[in-house]
């Protein structure tokens, strides 16, 4: 959410007004907007970021759930021909049906997202391993909770590397752009934040059976400190898994957090039909 202290924040919407000019500049610079870009902004708040996006893009579609904030946004930007405001929950709106021709198919996302729905927003924008977004964005620049940013951008072997890291990095290149301290907001949240840029991409060697990969990742990280062979024992014979890990030059006692995205894909593709038709729950681990 972005700043104007004349509107009281609402806890149920996770509102904290961004006030830092430095952070706003970092967000806009990371988006590298061109005059032909069509931007989707989630949670414009009172429009401090919107104001910076409108002169740089062909169009800006802002989605705001707070009706009172929508009134403020209309007063500020209602006359701008390249601005469209949608009131509602981004997770339930069908943009393809709602957007008029001039605003169809946004190609970039630039937003200070509500932190309480970060996971669902990431899935909305990127899709899942099994069902990637069929119309991927050129880039997605988000201001989010620092802890989540650390997980998304984490490298294998680091403490932050987990199931979310694998799922997001399978679908996009993830870059840490900047730290944003809590004091950059009013009122300050209890957590620090960070700007992250996600660039959706095609996988060089994709998973042959994406649902199987989702299953492996979910179970592999189910008990993070356990060895991978123990977490996956319901899916694959211990000796067979040891053989596969060693063929990838991985220790047979490796833990899930030490396995790269590429190795997760290799493992999934090497297992053939081992995992069968297991029901996959892709909620964040």
C-alpha atoms as a PDB file:
ATOM      1  CA  UNK A   1       0.000   0.000   0.000  1.00  0.00           C
ATOM      2  CA  UNK A   2       1.151   3.521  -0.749  1.00  0.00           C
ATOM      3  CA  UNK A   3       0.989   6.660   1.277  1.00  0.00           C
ATOM      4  CA  UNK A   4      -1.425   9.355   2.290  1.00  0.00           C
ATOM      5  CA  UNK A   5      -1.916   9.812   6.002  1.00  0.00           C
ATOM      6  CA  UNK A   6      -5.319  11.500   5.510  1.00  0.00           C
ATOM      7  CA  UNK A   7      -6.812   8.027   5.107  1.00  0.00           C
ATOM      8  CA  UNK A   8      -6.644   5.829   8.204  1.00  0.00           C
ATOM      9  CA  UNK A   9      -5.099   2.412   7.664  1.00  0.00           C
ATOM     10  CA  UNK A  10      -7.271  -0.663   7.973  1.00  0.00           C
ATOM     11  CA  UNK A  11      -5.759  -3.690   9.645  1.00  0.00           C
ATOM     12  CA  UNK A  12      -7.951  -6.204   7.819  1.00  0.00           C
ATOM     13  CA  UNK A  13      -6.494  -5.034   4.498  1.00  0.00           C
ATOM     14  CA  UNK A  14      -2.918  -5.028   5.819  1.00  0.00           C
ATOM     15  CA  UNK A  15      -2.512  -1.323   5.059  1.00  0.00           C
ATOM     16  CA  UNK A  16       0.778   0.467   5.717  1.00  0.00           C
ATOM     17  CA  UNK A  17       1.502   3.620   3.718  1.00  0.00           C
ATOM     18  CA  UNK A  18       4.850   3.651   1.932  1.00  0.00           C
ATOM     19  CA  UNK A  19       6.446   7.085   2.328  1.00  0.00           C
ATOM     20  CA  UNK A  20      10.035   6.589   1.190  1.00  0.00           C
ATOM     21  CA  UNK A  21      10.943   8.404  -2.019  1.00  0.00           C
ATOM     22  CA  UNK A  22      14.018   6.183  -2.266  1.00  0.00           C
ATOM     23  CA  UNK A  23      11.953   2.986  -2.145  1.00  0.00           C
ATOM     24  CA  UNK A  24       9.477   4.337  -4.700  1.00  0.00           C
ATOM     25  CA  UNK A  25      12.329   5.187  -7.066  1.00  0.00           C
ATOM     26  CA  UNK A  26      13.805   1.704  -6.614  1.00  0.00           C
ATOM     27  CA  UNK A  27      10.482   0.090  -7.479  1.00  0.00           C
ATOM     28  CA  UNK A  28       9.977   2.225 -10.590  1.00  0.00           C
ATOM     29  CA  UNK A  29      13.576   1.811 -11.769  1.00  0.00           C
ATOM     30  CA  UNK A  30      13.367  -1.964 -11.373  1.00  0.00           C
ATOM     31  CA  UNK A  31      10.281  -2.029 -13.602  1.00  0.00           C
ATOM     32  CA  UNK A  32      12.256  -0.398 -16.457  1.00  0.00           C
ATOM     33  CA  UNK A  33       9.014   0.875 -17.986  1.00  0.00           C
ATOM     34  CA  UNK A  34       8.718   1.658 -21.694  1.00  0.00           C
ATOM     35  CA  UNK A  35       5.992   3.800 -23.337  1.00  0.00           C
ATOM     36  CA  UNK A  36       4.412   0.630 -24.756  1.00  0.00           C
ATOM     37  CA  UNK A  37       4.124  -1.172 -21.394  1.00  0.00           C
ATOM     38  CA  UNK A  38       0.733  -2.018 -19.916  1.00  0.00           C
ATOM     39  CA  UNK A  39       1.004  -2.169 -16.132  1.00  0.00           C
ATOM     40  CA  UNK A  40      -1.027  -4.008 -13.520  1.00  0.00           C
ATOM     41  CA  UNK A  41      -0.785  -2.462 -10.046  1.00  0.00           C
ATOM     42  CA  UNK A  42      -2.147  -4.378  -7.049  1.00  0.00           C
ATOM     43  CA  UNK A  43      -3.081  -2.358  -3.983  1.00  0.00           C
ATOM     44  CA  UNK A  44      -2.454   1.239  -5.127  1.00  0.00           C
ATOM     45  CA  UNK A  45      -3.529   2.617  -1.754  1.00  0.00           C
ATOM     46  CA  UNK A  46      -3.751   6.370  -2.165  1.00  0.00           C
ATOM     47  CA  UNK A  47      -1.777   6.452  -5.390  1.00  0.00           C
ATOM     48  CA  UNK A  48       1.757   7.534  -4.563  1.00  0.00           C
ATOM     49  CA  UNK A  49       3.212   4.778  -6.785  1.00  0.00           C
ATOM     50  CA  UNK A  50       0.401   5.096  -9.349  1.00  0.00           C
ATOM     51  CA  UNK A  51       1.339   8.729  -9.860  1.00  0.00           C
ATOM     52  CA  UNK A  52       4.858   7.673 -10.855  1.00  0.00           C
ATOM     53  CA  UNK A  53       3.702   4.872 -13.158  1.00  0.00           C
ATOM     54  CA  UNK A  54       1.151   6.771 -15.256  1.00  0.00           C
ATOM     55  CA  UNK A  55       3.587   9.081 -17.156  1.00  0.00           C
ATOM     56  CA  UNK A  56       5.854   6.144 -18.006  1.00  0.00           C
ATOM     57  CA  UNK A  57       3.431   3.516 -19.304  1.00  0.00           C
ATOM     58  CA  UNK A  58       0.878   3.124 -22.061  1.00  0.00           C
ATOM     59  CA  UNK A  59      -1.709   2.119 -19.455  1.00  0.00           C
ATOM     60  CA  UNK A  60      -2.048   1.353 -15.753  1.00  0.00           C
ATOM     61  CA  UNK A  61      -4.742  -0.923 -14.334  1.00  0.00           C
ATOM     62  CA  UNK A  62      -4.941  -0.519 -10.551  1.00  0.00           C
ATOM     63  CA  UNK A  63      -6.897  -2.988  -8.424  1.00  0.00           C
ATOM     64  CA  UNK A  64      -7.938  -1.731  -4.983  1.00  0.00           C
ATOM     65  CA  UNK A  65     -10.181  -3.543  -2.496  1.00  0.00           C
ATOM     66  CA  UNK A  66     -10.876  -0.533  -0.232  1.00  0.00           C
ATOM     67  CA  UNK A  67     -13.913   1.421  -1.497  1.00  0.00           C
ATOM     68  CA  UNK A  68     -12.927   4.629   0.309  1.00  0.00           C
ATOM     69  CA  UNK A  69      -9.472   4.552  -1.258  1.00  0.00           C
ATOM     70  CA  UNK A  70     -11.081   4.027  -4.664  1.00  0.00           C
ATOM     71  CA  UNK A  71     -12.898   7.346  -4.235  1.00  0.00           C
ATOM     72  CA  UNK A  72      -9.588   9.085  -3.539  1.00  0.00           C
ATOM     73  CA  UNK A  73      -7.950   7.422  -6.545  1.00  0.00           C
ATOM     74  CA  UNK A  74     -10.773   8.474  -8.857  1.00  0.00           C
ATOM     75  CA  UNK A  75     -10.434  12.078  -7.671  1.00  0.00           C
ATOM     76  CA  UNK A  76      -6.694  12.040  -8.393  1.00  0.00           C
ATOM     77  CA  UNK A  77      -6.470  10.058 -11.615  1.00  0.00           C
ATOM     78  CA  UNK A  78      -9.988   9.745 -12.989  1.00  0.00           C
ATOM     79  CA  UNK A  79      -9.227  12.127 -15.859  1.00  0.00           C
ATOM     80  CA  UNK A  80      -6.121  10.253 -17.015  1.00  0.00           C
ATOM     81  CA  UNK A  81      -6.916   8.403 -20.232  1.00  0.00           C
ATOM     82  CA  UNK A  82      -4.372   5.683 -19.529  1.00  0.00           C
ATOM     83  CA  UNK A  83      -5.704   4.890 -16.021  1.00  0.00           C
ATOM     84  CA  UNK A  84      -8.286   2.242 -15.138  1.00  0.00           C
ATOM     85  CA  UNK A  85      -9.341   1.488 -11.568  1.00  0.00           C
ATOM     86  CA  UNK A  86     -11.015  -1.773 -10.568  1.00  0.00           C
ATOM     87  CA  UNK A  87     -12.555  -2.046  -7.116  1.00  0.00           C
ATOM     88  CA  UNK A  88     -12.345  -5.553  -5.699  1.00  0.00           C
ATOM     89  CA  UNK A  89     -10.182  -8.436  -4.543  1.00  0.00           C
ATOM     90  CA  UNK A  90      -7.421  -9.191  -7.055  1.00  0.00           C
ATOM     91  CA  UNK A  91      -7.727 -12.887  -6.177  1.00  0.00           C
ATOM     92  CA  UNK A  92     -11.352 -13.076  -7.289  1.00  0.00           C
ATOM     93  CA  UNK A  93     -11.499 -10.667 -10.249  1.00  0.00           C
ATOM     94  CA  UNK A  94     -11.404 -12.022 -13.800  1.00  0.00           C
ATOM     95  CA  UNK A  95      -9.246  -9.390 -15.496  1.00  0.00           C
ATOM     96  CA  UNK A  96      -9.652 -10.900 -18.962  1.00  0.00           C
ATOM     97  CA  UNK A  97     -13.419 -10.337 -18.763  1.00  0.00           C
ATOM     98  CA  UNK A  98     -13.322  -6.960 -17.025  1.00  0.00           C
ATOM     99  CA  UNK A  99     -10.661  -5.070 -18.957  1.00  0.00           C
ATOM    100  CA  UNK A 100     -11.701  -3.005 -21.998  1.00  0.00           C
ATOM    101  CA  UNK A 101      -9.599  -3.422 -25.182  1.00  0.00           C
ATOM    102  CA  UNK A 102      -7.240  -0.514 -24.447  1.00  0.00           C
ATOM    103  CA  UNK A 103      -6.228  -2.106 -21.129  1.00  0.00           C
ATOM    104  CA  UNK A 104      -6.198  -5.790 -22.073  1.00  0.00           C
ATOM    105  CA  UNK A 105      -3.196  -8.052 -21.437  1.00  0.00           C
ATOM    106  CA  UNK A 106      -1.000  -6.105 -19.025  1.00  0.00           C
ATOM    107  CA  UNK A 107       2.615  -7.151 -19.640  1.00  0.00           C
ATOM    108  CA  UNK A 108       4.181  -5.911 -16.403  1.00  0.00           C
ATOM    109  CA  UNK A 109       3.198  -5.949 -12.746  1.00  0.00           C
ATOM    110  CA  UNK A 110       4.462  -3.210 -10.423  1.00  0.00           C
ATOM    111  CA  UNK A 111       3.019  -3.280  -6.927  1.00  0.00           C
ATOM    112  CA  UNK A 112       3.355  -2.926  -3.183  1.00  0.00           C
ATOM    113  CA  UNK A 113       1.279  -5.986  -2.424  1.00  0.00           C
ATOM    114  CA  UNK A 114      -0.741  -6.749   0.734  1.00  0.00           C
ATOM    115  CA  UNK A 115       1.626  -8.980   2.711  1.00  0.00           C
ATOM    116  CA  UNK A 116      -1.154 -11.157   4.146  1.00  0.00           C
ATOM    117  CA  UNK A 117      -1.921 -12.605   0.700  1.00  0.00           C
ATOM    118  CA  UNK A 118       1.587 -12.780  -0.776  1.00  0.00           C
ATOM    119  CA  UNK A 119       1.441 -16.527  -1.489  1.00  0.00           C
ATOM    120  CA  UNK A 120      -1.878 -16.432  -3.382  1.00  0.00           C
ATOM    121  CA  UNK A 121      -0.744 -13.339  -5.328  1.00  0.00           C
ATOM    122  CA  UNK A 122       2.473 -15.088  -6.425  1.00  0.00           C
ATOM    123  CA  UNK A 123       0.434 -18.079  -7.588  1.00  0.00           C
ATOM    124  CA  UNK A 124      -2.002 -15.789  -9.414  1.00  0.00           C
ATOM    125  CA  UNK A 125       0.810 -14.005 -11.255  1.00  0.00           C
ATOM    126  CA  UNK A 126       3.125 -16.948 -11.939  1.00  0.00           C
ATOM    127  CA  UNK A 127       0.839 -19.975 -11.823  1.00  0.00           C
ATOM    128  CA  UNK A 128       2.127 -23.231 -10.371  1.00  0.00           C
ATOM    129  CA  UNK A 129       4.702 -25.803 -11.472  1.00  0.00           C
ATOM    130  CA  UNK A 130       1.887 -27.943 -12.861  1.00  0.00           C
ATOM    131  CA  UNK A 131      -0.023 -25.012 -14.369  1.00  0.00           C
ATOM    132  CA  UNK A 132       2.203 -22.016 -15.184  1.00  0.00           C
ATOM    133  CA  UNK A 133       0.491 -18.785 -16.167  1.00  0.00           C
ATOM    134  CA  UNK A 134      -0.275 -19.342 -19.896  1.00  0.00           C
ATOM    135  CA  UNK A 135       0.270 -15.619 -20.566  1.00  0.00           C
ATOM    136  CA  UNK A 136       3.339 -14.831 -18.464  1.00  0.00           C
ATOM    137  CA  UNK A 137       4.212 -11.234 -17.663  1.00  0.00           C
ATOM    138  CA  UNK A 138       7.432  -9.744 -19.007  1.00  0.00           C
ATOM    139  CA  UNK A 139       8.402  -8.791 -15.466  1.00  0.00           C
ATOM    140  CA  UNK A 140       6.901  -8.569 -11.985  1.00  0.00           C
ATOM    141  CA  UNK A 141       8.283  -6.033  -9.492  1.00  0.00           C
ATOM    142  CA  UNK A 142       6.903  -6.425  -5.985  1.00  0.00           C
ATOM    143  CA  UNK A 143       7.480  -4.829  -2.615  1.00  0.00           C
ATOM    144  CA  UNK A 144       6.978  -7.632  -0.096  1.00  0.00           C
ATOM    145  CA  UNK A 145       7.871  -8.821   3.382  1.00  0.00           C
ATOM    146  CA  UNK A 146      11.632  -9.279   3.655  1.00  0.00           C
ATOM    147  CA  UNK A 147      11.369 -12.822   5.016  1.00  0.00           C
ATOM    148  CA  UNK A 148       9.360 -13.940   1.986  1.00  0.00           C
ATOM    149  CA  UNK A 149      11.748 -12.140  -0.376  1.00  0.00           C
ATOM    150  CA  UNK A 150      14.633 -14.011   1.248  1.00  0.00           C
ATOM    151  CA  UNK A 151      12.902 -17.331   0.608  1.00  0.00           C
ATOM    152  CA  UNK A 152      12.050 -16.519  -2.992  1.00  0.00           C
ATOM    153  CA  UNK A 153      15.601 -15.475  -3.869  1.00  0.00           C
ATOM    154  CA  UNK A 154      17.418 -18.030  -1.670  1.00  0.00           C
ATOM    155  CA  UNK A 155      20.196 -20.232  -3.028  1.00  0.00           C
ATOM    156  CA  UNK A 156      20.385 -24.005  -2.392  1.00  0.00           C
ATOM    157  CA  UNK A 157      22.169 -24.751   0.864  1.00  0.00           C
ATOM    158  CA  UNK A 158      20.985 -21.567   2.572  1.00  0.00           C
ATOM    159  CA  UNK A 159      18.667 -21.588   5.566  1.00  0.00           C
ATOM    160  CA  UNK A 160      15.935 -19.728   3.645  1.00  0.00           C
ATOM    161  CA  UNK A 161      15.834 -22.177   0.711  1.00  0.00           C
ATOM    162  CA  UNK A 162      12.592 -24.142   0.812  1.00  0.00           C
ATOM    163  CA  UNK A 163       9.597 -25.367  -1.140  1.00  0.00           C
ATOM    164  CA  UNK A 164       8.536 -21.798  -1.993  1.00  0.00           C
ATOM    165  CA  UNK A 165      12.034 -21.123  -3.383  1.00  0.00           C
ATOM    166  CA  UNK A 166      11.819 -24.124  -5.704  1.00  0.00           C
ATOM    167  CA  UNK A 167       8.276 -23.387  -6.858  1.00  0.00           C
ATOM    168  CA  UNK A 168       8.940 -19.741  -7.691  1.00  0.00           C
ATOM    169  CA  UNK A 169      12.417 -20.269  -9.164  1.00  0.00           C
ATOM    170  CA  UNK A 170      11.069 -23.019 -11.416  1.00  0.00           C
ATOM    171  CA  UNK A 171       8.833 -20.389 -13.016  1.00  0.00           C
ATOM    172  CA  UNK A 172      10.927 -17.221 -12.913  1.00  0.00           C
ATOM    173  CA  UNK A 173      14.352 -15.664 -12.464  1.00  0.00           C
ATOM    174  CA  UNK A 174      14.293 -13.977  -9.055  1.00  0.00           C
ATOM    175  CA  UNK A 175      16.336 -10.865  -8.250  1.00  0.00           C
ATOM    176  CA  UNK A 176      16.728  -9.016  -4.976  1.00  0.00           C
ATOM    177  CA  UNK A 177      16.535  -5.310  -5.818  1.00  0.00           C
ATOM    178  CA  UNK A 178      16.606  -3.442  -2.509  1.00  0.00           C
ATOM    179  CA  UNK A 179      15.959  -3.543   1.224  1.00  0.00           C
ATOM    180  CA  UNK A 180      13.132  -1.358   2.524  1.00  0.00           C
ATOM    181  CA  UNK A 181      13.123  -0.810   6.307  1.00  0.00           C
ATOM    182  CA  UNK A 182       9.946  -0.699   8.375  1.00  0.00           C
ATOM    183  CA  UNK A 183      10.486   3.024   9.012  1.00  0.00           C
ATOM    184  CA  UNK A 184       9.784   3.654   5.309  1.00  0.00           C
ATOM    185  CA  UNK A 185       6.079   3.094   6.084  1.00  0.00           C
ATOM    186  CA  UNK A 186       3.451   4.874   8.150  1.00  0.00           C
ATOM    187  CA  UNK A 187       2.499   3.260  10.407  1.00  0.00           C
ATOM    188  CA  UNK A 188       5.653   1.114  10.440  1.00  0.00           C
ATOM    189  CA  UNK A 189       4.885  -2.604  10.110  1.00  0.00           C
ATOM    190  CA  UNK A 190       6.477  -5.104  12.488  1.00  0.00           C
ATOM    191  CA  UNK A 191       8.658  -6.471   9.673  1.00  0.00           C
ATOM    192  CA  UNK A 192      11.165  -5.113   7.183  1.00  0.00           C
ATOM    193  CA  UNK A 193      10.481  -5.311   3.463  1.00  0.00           C
ATOM    194  CA  UNK A 194      12.310  -5.772   0.173  1.00  0.00           C
ATOM    195  CA  UNK A 195      11.815  -5.064  -3.524  1.00  0.00           C
ATOM    196  CA  UNK A 196      12.048  -8.171  -5.698  1.00  0.00           C
ATOM    197  CA  UNK A 197      11.917  -8.545  -9.482  1.00  0.00           C
ATOM    198  CA  UNK A 198      10.584 -11.778 -10.977  1.00  0.00           C
ATOM    199  CA  UNK A 199      11.135 -12.468 -14.671  1.00  0.00           C
ATOM    200  CA  UNK A 200       8.992 -15.400 -15.857  1.00  0.00           C
ATOM    201  CA  UNK A 201      10.882 -17.718 -18.181  1.00  0.00           C
ATOM    202  CA  UNK A 202      10.757 -21.031 -19.966  1.00  0.00           C
ATOM    203  CA  UNK A 203      12.650 -23.870 -18.314  1.00  0.00           C
ATOM    204  CA  UNK A 204      15.553 -25.200 -20.413  1.00  0.00           C
ATOM    205  CA  UNK A 205      14.795 -28.772 -19.318  1.00  0.00           C
ATOM    206  CA  UNK A 206      11.279 -28.762 -17.815  1.00  0.00           C
ATOM    207  CA  UNK A 207       9.748 -31.444 -15.642  1.00  0.00           C
ATOM    208  CA  UNK A 208       8.262 -34.214 -17.762  1.00  0.00           C
ATOM    209  CA  UNK A 209       5.459 -34.588 -15.233  1.00  0.00           C
ATOM    210  CA  UNK A 210       5.051 -31.263 -13.380  1.00  0.00           C
ATOM    211  CA  UNK A 211       2.547 -32.642 -10.867  1.00  0.00           C
ATOM    212  CA  UNK A 212       5.106 -35.246  -9.852  1.00  0.00           C
ATOM    213  CA  UNK A 213       7.680 -32.507  -9.311  1.00  0.00           C
ATOM    214  CA  UNK A 214       5.192 -30.651  -7.104  1.00  0.00           C
ATOM    215  CA  UNK A 215       4.706 -33.846  -5.097  1.00  0.00           C
ATOM    216  CA  UNK A 216       8.433 -34.385  -4.666  1.00  0.00           C
ATOM    217  CA  UNK A 217       9.030 -30.801  -3.545  1.00  0.00           C
ATOM    218  CA  UNK A 218       6.127 -30.833  -1.095  1.00  0.00           C
ATOM    219  CA  UNK A 219       7.183 -34.100   0.509  1.00  0.00           C
ATOM    220  CA  UNK A 220      10.892 -33.370   0.253  1.00  0.00           C
ATOM    221  CA  UNK A 221      10.486 -30.266   2.426  1.00  0.00           C
ATOM    222  CA  UNK A 222       7.781 -31.734   4.672  1.00  0.00           C
ATOM    223  CA  UNK A 223      10.294 -32.198   7.494  1.00  0.00           C
ATOM    224  CA  UNK A 224      13.104 -29.880   6.541  1.00  0.00           C
ATOM    225  CA  UNK A 225      15.850 -31.237   8.778  1.00  0.00           C
ATOM    226  CA  UNK A 226      15.324 -34.844   7.707  1.00  0.00           C
ATOM    227  CA  UNK A 227      17.374 -36.412   4.947  1.00  0.00           C
ATOM    228  CA  UNK A 228      15.667 -36.375   1.576  1.00  0.00           C
ATOM    229  CA  UNK A 229      15.596 -40.168   1.391  1.00  0.00           C
ATOM    230  CA  UNK A 230      13.535 -40.274   4.596  1.00  0.00           C
ATOM    231  CA  UNK A 231      11.041 -37.648   3.437  1.00  0.00           C
ATOM    232  CA  UNK A 232      10.560 -39.385   0.090  1.00  0.00           C
ATOM    233  CA  UNK A 233      10.413 -42.972   1.331  1.00  0.00           C
ATOM    234  CA  UNK A 234       6.675 -43.153   0.601  1.00  0.00           C
ATOM    235  CA  UNK A 235       7.391 -42.378  -3.062  1.00  0.00           C
ATOM    236  CA  UNK A 236      10.585 -44.145  -3.969  1.00  0.00           C
ATOM    237  CA  UNK A 237      12.625 -47.068  -2.721  1.00  0.00           C
ATOM    238  CA  UNK A 238      15.531 -45.940  -0.536  1.00  0.00           C
ATOM    239  CA  UNK A 239      18.174 -47.771  -2.568  1.00  0.00           C
ATOM    240  CA  UNK A 240      16.762 -46.449  -5.839  1.00  0.00           C
ATOM    241  CA  UNK A 241      16.817 -42.882  -4.498  1.00  0.00           C
ATOM    242  CA  UNK A 242      20.388 -43.300  -3.237  1.00  0.00           C
ATOM    243  CA  UNK A 243      21.401 -44.473  -6.701  1.00  0.00           C
ATOM    244  CA  UNK A 244      19.731 -41.474  -8.364  1.00  0.00           C
ATOM    245  CA  UNK A 245      21.246 -38.976  -5.939  1.00  0.00           C
ATOM    246  CA  UNK A 246      24.720 -40.378  -6.459  1.00  0.00           C
ATOM    247  CA  UNK A 247      24.239 -40.228 -10.243  1.00  0.00           C
ATOM    248  CA  UNK A 248      23.607 -36.480  -9.775  1.00  0.00           C
ATOM    249  CA  UNK A 249      26.738 -36.254  -7.639  1.00  0.00           C
ATOM    250  CA  UNK A 250      24.692 -35.593  -4.517  1.00  0.00           C
ATOM    251  CA  UNK A 251      25.365 -37.156  -1.139  1.00  0.00           C
ATOM    252  CA  UNK A 252      22.888 -39.915  -0.273  1.00  0.00           C
ATOM    253  CA  UNK A 253      22.282 -38.106   3.037  1.00  0.00           C
ATOM    254  CA  UNK A 254      21.425 -34.804   1.364  1.00  0.00           C
ATOM    255  CA  UNK A 255      18.585 -32.654   2.706  1.00  0.00           C
ATOM    256  CA  UNK A 256      15.954 -30.970   0.540  1.00  0.00           C
ATOM    257  CA  UNK A 257      17.392 -27.487   1.153  1.00  0.00           C
ATOM    258  CA  UNK A 258      20.667 -28.540  -0.506  1.00  0.00           C
ATOM    259  CA  UNK A 259      19.064 -29.677  -3.787  1.00  0.00           C
ATOM    260  CA  UNK A 260      18.998 -27.097  -6.605  1.00  0.00           C
ATOM    261  CA  UNK A 261      15.939 -26.478  -8.780  1.00  0.00           C
ATOM    262  CA  UNK A 262      17.735 -28.157 -11.708  1.00  0.00           C
ATOM    263  CA  UNK A 263      18.416 -31.235  -9.578  1.00  0.00           C
ATOM    264  CA  UNK A 264      14.804 -31.383  -8.411  1.00  0.00           C
ATOM    265  CA  UNK A 265      13.786 -31.478 -12.071  1.00  0.00           C
ATOM    266  CA  UNK A 266      16.372 -34.169 -12.875  1.00  0.00           C
ATOM    267  CA  UNK A 267      15.208 -36.246  -9.920  1.00  0.00           C
ATOM    268  CA  UNK A 268      11.562 -35.937 -10.980  1.00  0.00           C
ATOM    269  CA  UNK A 269      12.348 -36.847 -14.582  1.00  0.00           C
ATOM    270  CA  UNK A 270      14.448 -39.833 -13.477  1.00  0.00           C
ATOM    271  CA  UNK A 271      11.745 -41.402 -11.355  1.00  0.00           C
ATOM    272  CA  UNK A 272       9.535 -42.520 -14.238  1.00  0.00           C
ATOM    273  CA  UNK A 273       6.142 -43.535 -12.881  1.00  0.00           C
ATOM    274  CA  UNK A 274       7.356 -44.066  -9.321  1.00  0.00           C
ATOM    275  CA  UNK A 275       5.171 -41.415  -7.748  1.00  0.00           C
ATOM    276  CA  UNK A 276       1.930 -42.543  -9.355  1.00  0.00           C
ATOM    277  CA  UNK A 277      -1.224 -40.493  -9.008  1.00  0.00           C
ATOM    278  CA  UNK A 278      -0.584 -38.924  -5.628  1.00  0.00           C
ATOM    279  CA  UNK A 279      -2.885 -36.091  -4.682  1.00  0.00           C
ATOM    280  CA  UNK A 280      -0.813 -32.912  -4.604  1.00  0.00           C
ATOM    281  CA  UNK A 281      -1.459 -30.049  -2.221  1.00  0.00           C
ATOM    282  CA  UNK A 282       0.596 -27.038  -3.378  1.00  0.00           C
ATOM    283  CA  UNK A 283       0.003 -24.833  -0.347  1.00  0.00           C
ATOM    284  CA  UNK A 284       3.132 -23.088   0.870  1.00  0.00           C
ATOM    285  CA  UNK A 285       5.532 -25.222   2.888  1.00  0.00           C
END
